[in-house]
Amino acid sequence: MFTVDKTMSIATVMKQDPEAAPVFMSYGMHCLYCPHASAESIEQAAMVHGVDADALVKALNEYFASKA
């Protein structure tokens, strides 16, 4: 099973499964393919967007666990 941590980039997660997009979008993170998506970690992007990185990572891991 793929496990997400907050040091990963959004691009890494999206390459693993583009269908994870709604999880990011539900946290107000819509720029999934912008240049920052590959340069910043999830934690950095979450900070910029005022999102709880731990909650986002938890939701992403729940998404990936549901697909296992």
PDB file of N, CA and C in Angstrom:
ATOM      1  N   MET A   1       0.839  -1.183   0.000  1.00  0.00           N
ATOM      2  CA  MET A   1       0.000   0.000   0.000  1.00  0.00           C
ATOM      3  C   MET A   1       0.883   1.245   0.000  1.00  0.00           C
ATOM      4  N   PHE A   2       0.494   2.218  -0.791  1.00  0.00           N
ATOM      5  CA  PHE A   2       1.197   3.494  -0.862  1.00  0.00           C
ATOM      6  C   PHE A   2       0.868   4.304   0.390  1.00  0.00           C
ATOM      7  N   THR A   3       1.889   4.844   1.032  1.00  0.00           N
ATOM      8  CA  THR A   3       1.700   5.652   2.235  1.00  0.00           C
ATOM      9  C   THR A   3       2.236   7.050   1.993  1.00  0.00           C
ATOM     10  N   VAL A   4       1.424   8.029   2.310  1.00  0.00           N
ATOM     11  CA  VAL A   4       1.770   9.435   2.120  1.00  0.00           C
ATOM     12  C   VAL A   4       2.339   9.986   3.420  1.00  0.00           C
ATOM     13  N   ASP A   5       3.357  10.820   3.296  1.00  0.00           N
ATOM     14  CA  ASP A   5       3.810  11.599   4.448  1.00  0.00           C
ATOM     15  C   ASP A   5       3.967  13.044   3.996  1.00  0.00           C
ATOM     16  N   LYS A   6       4.025  13.946   4.958  1.00  0.00           N
ATOM     17  CA  LYS A   6       3.972  15.366   4.618  1.00  0.00           C
ATOM     18  C   LYS A   6       5.242  15.909   3.980  1.00  0.00           C
ATOM     19  N   THR A   7       6.286  15.099   3.888  1.00  0.00           N
ATOM     20  CA  THR A   7       7.501  15.553   3.197  1.00  0.00           C
ATOM     21  C   THR A   7       7.418  15.309   1.695  1.00  0.00           C
ATOM     22  N   MET A   8       6.443  14.528   1.258  1.00  0.00           N
ATOM     23  CA  MET A   8       6.275  14.242  -0.175  1.00  0.00           C
ATOM     24  C   MET A   8       5.691  15.458  -0.882  1.00  0.00           C
ATOM     25  N   SER A   9       5.937  15.527  -2.178  1.00  0.00           N
ATOM     26  CA  SER A   9       5.308  16.587  -2.968  1.00  0.00           C
ATOM     27  C   SER A   9       3.913  16.133  -3.394  1.00  0.00           C
ATOM     28  N   ILE A  10       3.087  17.102  -3.730  1.00  0.00           N
ATOM     29  CA  ILE A  10       1.767  16.793  -4.270  1.00  0.00           C
ATOM     30  C   ILE A  10       1.930  15.987  -5.554  1.00  0.00           C
ATOM     31  N   ALA A  11       2.909  16.371  -6.367  1.00  0.00           N
ATOM     32  CA  ALA A  11       3.137  15.680  -7.641  1.00  0.00           C
ATOM     33  C   ALA A  11       3.433  14.198  -7.431  1.00  0.00           C
ATOM     34  N   THR A  12       4.172  13.856  -6.395  1.00  0.00           N
ATOM     35  CA  THR A  12       4.475  12.452  -6.107  1.00  0.00           C
ATOM     36  C   THR A  12       3.196  11.673  -5.846  1.00  0.00           C
ATOM     37  N   VAL A  13       2.319  12.263  -5.071  1.00  0.00           N
ATOM     38  CA  VAL A  13       1.049  11.593  -4.752  1.00  0.00           C
ATOM     39  C   VAL A  13       0.190  11.490  -6.005  1.00  0.00           C
ATOM     40  N   MET A  14       0.126  12.553  -6.779  1.00  0.00           N
ATOM     41  CA  MET A  14      -0.704  12.551  -7.986  1.00  0.00           C
ATOM     42  C   MET A  14      -0.187  11.576  -9.035  1.00  0.00           C
ATOM     43  N   LYS A  15       1.133  11.398  -9.105  1.00  0.00           N
ATOM     44  CA  LYS A  15       1.691  10.408 -10.037  1.00  0.00           C
ATOM     45  C   LYS A  15       1.310   8.996  -9.611  1.00  0.00           C
ATOM     46  N   GLN A  16       1.237   8.779  -8.308  1.00  0.00           N
ATOM     47  CA  GLN A  16       0.856   7.469  -7.789  1.00  0.00           C
ATOM     48  C   GLN A  16      -0.604   7.161  -8.141  1.00  0.00           C
ATOM     49  N   ASP A  17      -1.472   8.164  -7.996  1.00  0.00           N
ATOM     50  CA  ASP A  17      -2.891   7.959  -8.288  1.00  0.00           C
ATOM     51  C   ASP A  17      -3.574   9.303  -8.528  1.00  0.00           C
ATOM     52  N   PRO A  18      -3.788   9.667  -9.791  1.00  0.00           N
ATOM     53  CA  PRO A  18      -4.451  10.936 -10.099  1.00  0.00           C
ATOM     54  C   PRO A  18      -5.860  11.047  -9.508  1.00  0.00           C
ATOM     55  N   GLU A  19      -6.463   9.918  -9.175  1.00  0.00           N
ATOM     56  CA  GLU A  19      -7.805   9.940  -8.592  1.00  0.00           C
ATOM     57  C   GLU A  19      -7.803  10.417  -7.136  1.00  0.00           C
ATOM     58  N   ALA A  20      -6.624  10.722  -6.596  1.00  0.00           N
ATOM     59  CA  ALA A  20      -6.530  11.303  -5.254  1.00  0.00           C
ATOM     60  C   ALA A  20      -6.847  12.797  -5.281  1.00  0.00           C
ATOM     61  N   ALA A  21      -7.025  13.356  -6.456  1.00  0.00           N
ATOM     62  CA  ALA A  21      -7.282  14.795  -6.597  1.00  0.00           C
ATOM     63  C   ALA A  21      -8.424  15.298  -5.728  1.00  0.00           C
ATOM     64  N   PRO A  22      -9.566  14.610  -5.652  1.00  0.00           N
ATOM     65  CA  PRO A  22     -10.652  15.134  -4.817  1.00  0.00           C
ATOM     66  C   PRO A  22     -10.292  15.293  -3.339  1.00  0.00           C
ATOM     67  N   VAL A  23      -9.359  14.481  -2.861  1.00  0.00           N
ATOM     68  CA  VAL A  23      -8.928  14.625  -1.462  1.00  0.00           C
ATOM     69  C   VAL A  23      -8.230  15.975  -1.291  1.00  0.00           C
ATOM     70  N   PHE A  24      -7.303  16.278  -2.183  1.00  0.00           N
ATOM     71  CA  PHE A  24      -6.630  17.576  -2.126  1.00  0.00           C
ATOM     72  C   PHE A  24      -7.640  18.710  -2.273  1.00  0.00           C
ATOM     73  N   MET A  25      -8.544  18.580  -3.242  1.00  0.00           N
ATOM     74  CA  MET A  25      -9.511  19.642  -3.513  1.00  0.00           C
ATOM     75  C   MET A  25     -10.446  19.873  -2.331  1.00  0.00           C
ATOM     76  N   SER A  26     -10.756  18.814  -1.594  1.00  0.00           N
ATOM     77  CA  SER A  26     -11.634  18.976  -0.432  1.00  0.00           C
ATOM     78  C   SER A  26     -10.966  19.808   0.662  1.00  0.00           C
ATOM     79  N   TYR A  27      -9.657  19.958   0.580  1.00  0.00           N
ATOM     80  CA  TYR A  27      -8.903  20.791   1.522  1.00  0.00           C
ATOM     81  C   TYR A  27      -8.539  22.141   0.899  1.00  0.00           C
ATOM     82  N   GLY A  28      -9.163  22.475  -0.229  1.00  0.00           N
ATOM     83  CA  GLY A  28      -8.935  23.768  -0.871  1.00  0.00           C
ATOM     84  C   GLY A  28      -7.657  23.847  -1.671  1.00  0.00           C
ATOM     85  N   MET A  29      -7.066  22.709  -1.956  1.00  0.00           N
ATOM     86  CA  MET A  29      -5.816  22.686  -2.725  1.00  0.00           C
ATOM     87  C   MET A  29      -6.150  22.234  -4.146  1.00  0.00           C
ATOM     88  N   HIS A  30      -6.273  23.216  -5.050  1.00  0.00           N
ATOM     89  CA  HIS A  30      -6.753  22.954  -6.399  1.00  0.00           C
ATOM     90  C   HIS A  30      -5.644  22.970  -7.451  1.00  0.00           C
ATOM     91  N   CYS A  31      -4.507  23.520  -7.132  1.00  0.00           N
ATOM     92  CA  CYS A  31      -3.414  23.648  -8.107  1.00  0.00           C
ATOM     93  C   CYS A  31      -2.531  22.403  -8.054  1.00  0.00           C
ATOM     94  N   LEU A  32      -3.075  21.297  -8.478  1.00  0.00           N
ATOM     95  CA  LEU A  32      -2.380  20.017  -8.326  1.00  0.00           C
ATOM     96  C   LEU A  32      -1.278  19.794  -9.355  1.00  0.00           C
ATOM     97  N   TYR A  33      -1.313  20.553 -10.423  1.00  0.00           N
ATOM     98  CA  TYR A  33      -0.301  20.361 -11.469  1.00  0.00           C
ATOM     99  C   TYR A  33       0.507  21.630 -11.737  1.00  0.00           C
ATOM    100  N   CYS A  34       0.428  22.600 -10.840  1.00  0.00           N
ATOM    101  CA  CYS A  34       1.223  23.812 -11.014  1.00  0.00           C
ATOM    102  C   CYS A  34       2.687  23.496 -10.666  1.00  0.00           C
ATOM    103  N   PRO A  35       3.615  24.360 -11.051  1.00  0.00           N
ATOM    104  CA  PRO A  35       5.029  24.091 -10.766  1.00  0.00           C
ATOM    105  C   PRO A  35       5.326  23.865  -9.279  1.00  0.00           C
ATOM    106  N   HIS A  36       4.575  24.525  -8.409  1.00  0.00           N
ATOM    107  CA  HIS A  36       4.814  24.357  -6.972  1.00  0.00           C
ATOM    108  C   HIS A  36       4.443  22.954  -6.500  1.00  0.00           C
ATOM    109  N   ALA A  37       3.552  22.289  -7.221  1.00  0.00           N
ATOM    110  CA  ALA A  37       3.102  20.950  -6.806  1.00  0.00           C
ATOM    111  C   ALA A  37       4.249  19.947  -6.805  1.00  0.00           C
ATOM    112  N   SER A  38       5.264  20.196  -7.613  1.00  0.00           N
ATOM    113  CA  SER A  38       6.407  19.288  -7.611  1.00  0.00           C
ATOM    114  C   SER A  38       7.583  19.829  -6.803  1.00  0.00           C
ATOM    115  N   ALA A  39       7.570  21.129  -6.514  1.00  0.00           N
ATOM    116  CA  ALA A  39       8.697  21.737  -5.801  1.00  0.00           C
ATOM    117  C   ALA A  39       8.492  21.773  -4.289  1.00  0.00           C
ATOM    118  N   GLU A  40       7.252  21.907  -3.852  1.00  0.00           N
ATOM    119  CA  GLU A  40       6.967  22.024  -2.423  1.00  0.00           C
ATOM    120  C   GLU A  40       6.505  20.693  -1.840  1.00  0.00           C
ATOM    121  N   SER A  41       6.766  20.523  -0.564  1.00  0.00           N
ATOM    122  CA  SER A  41       6.221  19.352   0.132  1.00  0.00           C
ATOM    123  C   SER A  41       4.746  19.612   0.435  1.00  0.00           C
ATOM    124  N   ILE A  42       4.034  18.556   0.762  1.00  0.00           N
ATOM    125  CA  ILE A  42       2.639  18.698   1.176  1.00  0.00           C
ATOM    126  C   ILE A  42       2.559  19.641   2.380  1.00  0.00           C
ATOM    127  N   GLU A  43       3.501  19.507   3.290  1.00  0.00           N
ATOM    128  CA  GLU A  43       3.513  20.362   4.477  1.00  0.00           C
ATOM    129  C   GLU A  43       3.660  21.832   4.093  1.00  0.00           C
ATOM    130  N   GLN A  44       4.573  22.141   3.170  1.00  0.00           N
ATOM    131  CA  GLN A  44       4.772  23.524   2.747  1.00  0.00           C
ATOM    132  C   GLN A  44       3.531  24.064   2.035  1.00  0.00           C
ATOM    133  N   ALA A  45       2.971  23.256   1.148  1.00  0.00           N
ATOM    134  CA  ALA A  45       1.776  23.685   0.413  1.00  0.00           C
ATOM    135  C   ALA A  45       0.609  23.894   1.366  1.00  0.00           C
ATOM    136  N   ALA A  46       0.469  23.015   2.338  1.00  0.00           N
ATOM    137  CA  ALA A  46      -0.609  23.140   3.315  1.00  0.00           C
ATOM    138  C   ALA A  46      -0.471  24.446   4.101  1.00  0.00           C
ATOM    139  N   MET A  47       0.757  24.790   4.459  1.00  0.00           N
ATOM    140  CA  MET A  47       0.989  26.015   5.213  1.00  0.00           C
ATOM    141  C   MET A  47       0.562  27.237   4.381  1.00  0.00           C
ATOM    142  N   VAL A  48       0.920  27.246   3.108  1.00  0.00           N
ATOM    143  CA  VAL A  48       0.565  28.355   2.222  1.00  0.00           C
ATOM    144  C   VAL A  48      -0.953  28.483   2.094  1.00  0.00           C
ATOM    145  N   HIS A  49      -1.643  27.350   2.074  1.00  0.00           N
ATOM    146  CA  HIS A  49      -3.096  27.341   1.881  1.00  0.00           C
ATOM    147  C   HIS A  49      -3.876  27.358   3.199  1.00  0.00           C
ATOM    148  N   GLY A  50      -3.168  27.416   4.323  1.00  0.00           N
ATOM    149  CA  GLY A  50      -3.842  27.447   5.616  1.00  0.00           C
ATOM    150  C   GLY A  50      -4.555  26.150   5.953  1.00  0.00           C
ATOM    151  N   VAL A  51      -3.941  25.043   5.548  1.00  0.00           N
ATOM    152  CA  VAL A  51      -4.528  23.712   5.727  1.00  0.00           C
ATOM    153  C   VAL A  51      -3.727  22.949   6.780  1.00  0.00           C
ATOM    154  N   ASP A  52      -4.406  22.130   7.553  1.00  0.00           N
ATOM    155  CA  ASP A  52      -3.747  21.256   8.522  1.00  0.00           C
ATOM    156  C   ASP A  52      -3.094  20.097   7.760  1.00  0.00           C
ATOM    157  N   ALA A  53      -1.778  20.121   7.660  1.00  0.00           N
ATOM    158  CA  ALA A  53      -1.048  19.105   6.887  1.00  0.00           C
ATOM    159  C   ALA A  53      -1.281  17.704   7.429  1.00  0.00           C
ATOM    160  N   ASP A  54      -1.336  17.568   8.747  1.00  0.00           N
ATOM    161  CA  ASP A  54      -1.551  16.243   9.329  1.00  0.00           C
ATOM    162  C   ASP A  54      -2.928  15.686   8.961  1.00  0.00           C
ATOM    163  N   ALA A  55      -3.941  16.542   8.969  1.00  0.00           N
ATOM    164  CA  ALA A  55      -5.289  16.108   8.594  1.00  0.00           C
ATOM    165  C   ALA A  55      -5.338  15.722   7.118  1.00  0.00           C
ATOM    166  N   LEU A  56      -4.670  16.487   6.270  1.00  0.00           N
ATOM    167  CA  LEU A  56      -4.627  16.178   4.841  1.00  0.00           C
ATOM    168  C   LEU A  56      -3.933  14.852   4.598  1.00  0.00           C
ATOM    169  N   VAL A  57      -2.783  14.642   5.231  1.00  0.00           N
ATOM    170  CA  VAL A  57      -2.043  13.380   5.072  1.00  0.00           C
ATOM    171  C   VAL A  57      -2.885  12.209   5.574  1.00  0.00           C
ATOM    172  N   LYS A  58      -3.571  12.412   6.674  1.00  0.00           N
ATOM    173  CA  LYS A  58      -4.444  11.350   7.201  1.00  0.00           C
ATOM    174  C   LYS A  58      -5.535  11.008   6.181  1.00  0.00           C
ATOM    175  N   ALA A  59      -6.158  12.019   5.616  1.00  0.00           N
ATOM    176  CA  ALA A  59      -7.212  11.791   4.620  1.00  0.00           C
ATOM    177  C   ALA A  59      -6.658  11.091   3.383  1.00  0.00           C
ATOM    178  N   LEU A  60      -5.466  11.481   2.951  1.00  0.00           N
ATOM    179  CA  LEU A  60      -4.849  10.825   1.792  1.00  0.00           C
ATOM    180  C   LEU A  60      -4.545   9.364   2.100  1.00  0.00           C
ATOM    181  N   ASN A  61      -4.018   9.094   3.274  1.00  0.00           N
ATOM    182  CA  ASN A  61      -3.714   7.706   3.633  1.00  0.00           C
ATOM    183  C   ASN A  61      -4.981   6.866   3.787  1.00  0.00           C
ATOM    184  N   GLU A  62      -6.050   7.481   4.268  1.00  0.00           N
ATOM    185  CA  GLU A  62      -7.327   6.764   4.331  1.00  0.00           C
ATOM    186  C   GLU A  62      -7.823   6.450   2.924  1.00  0.00           C
ATOM    187  N   TYR A  63      -7.641   7.396   2.007  1.00  0.00           N
ATOM    188  CA  TYR A  63      -8.014   7.170   0.604  1.00  0.00           C
ATOM    189  C   TYR A  63      -7.233   5.977   0.044  1.00  0.00           C
ATOM    190  N   PHE A  64      -5.917   5.985   0.212  1.00  0.00           N
ATOM    191  CA  PHE A  64      -5.105   4.903  -0.339  1.00  0.00           C
ATOM    192  C   PHE A  64      -5.406   3.562   0.351  1.00  0.00           C
ATOM    193  N   ALA A  65      -5.685   3.588   1.634  1.00  0.00           N
ATOM    194  CA  ALA A  65      -6.037   2.356   2.347  1.00  0.00           C
ATOM    195  C   ALA A  65      -7.348   1.777   1.824  1.00  0.00           C
ATOM    196  N   SER A  66      -8.257   2.632   1.443  1.00  0.00           N
ATOM    197  CA  SER A  66      -9.555   2.166   0.939  1.00  0.00           C
ATOM    198  C   SER A  66      -9.417   1.491  -0.427  1.00  0.00           C
ATOM    199  N   LYS A  67      -8.337   1.777  -1.119  1.00  0.00           N
ATOM    200  CA  LYS A  67      -8.113   1.177  -2.445  1.00  0.00           C
ATOM    201  C   LYS A  67      -7.339  -0.136  -2.362  1.00  0.00           C
ATOM    202  N   ALA A  68      -6.823  -0.449  -1.185  1.00  0.00           N
ATOM    203  CA  ALA A  68      -5.990  -1.661  -1.038  1.00  0.00           C
ATOM    204  C   ALA A  68      -6.827  -2.913  -1.052  1.00  0.00           C
TER     205      ALA A  68
END
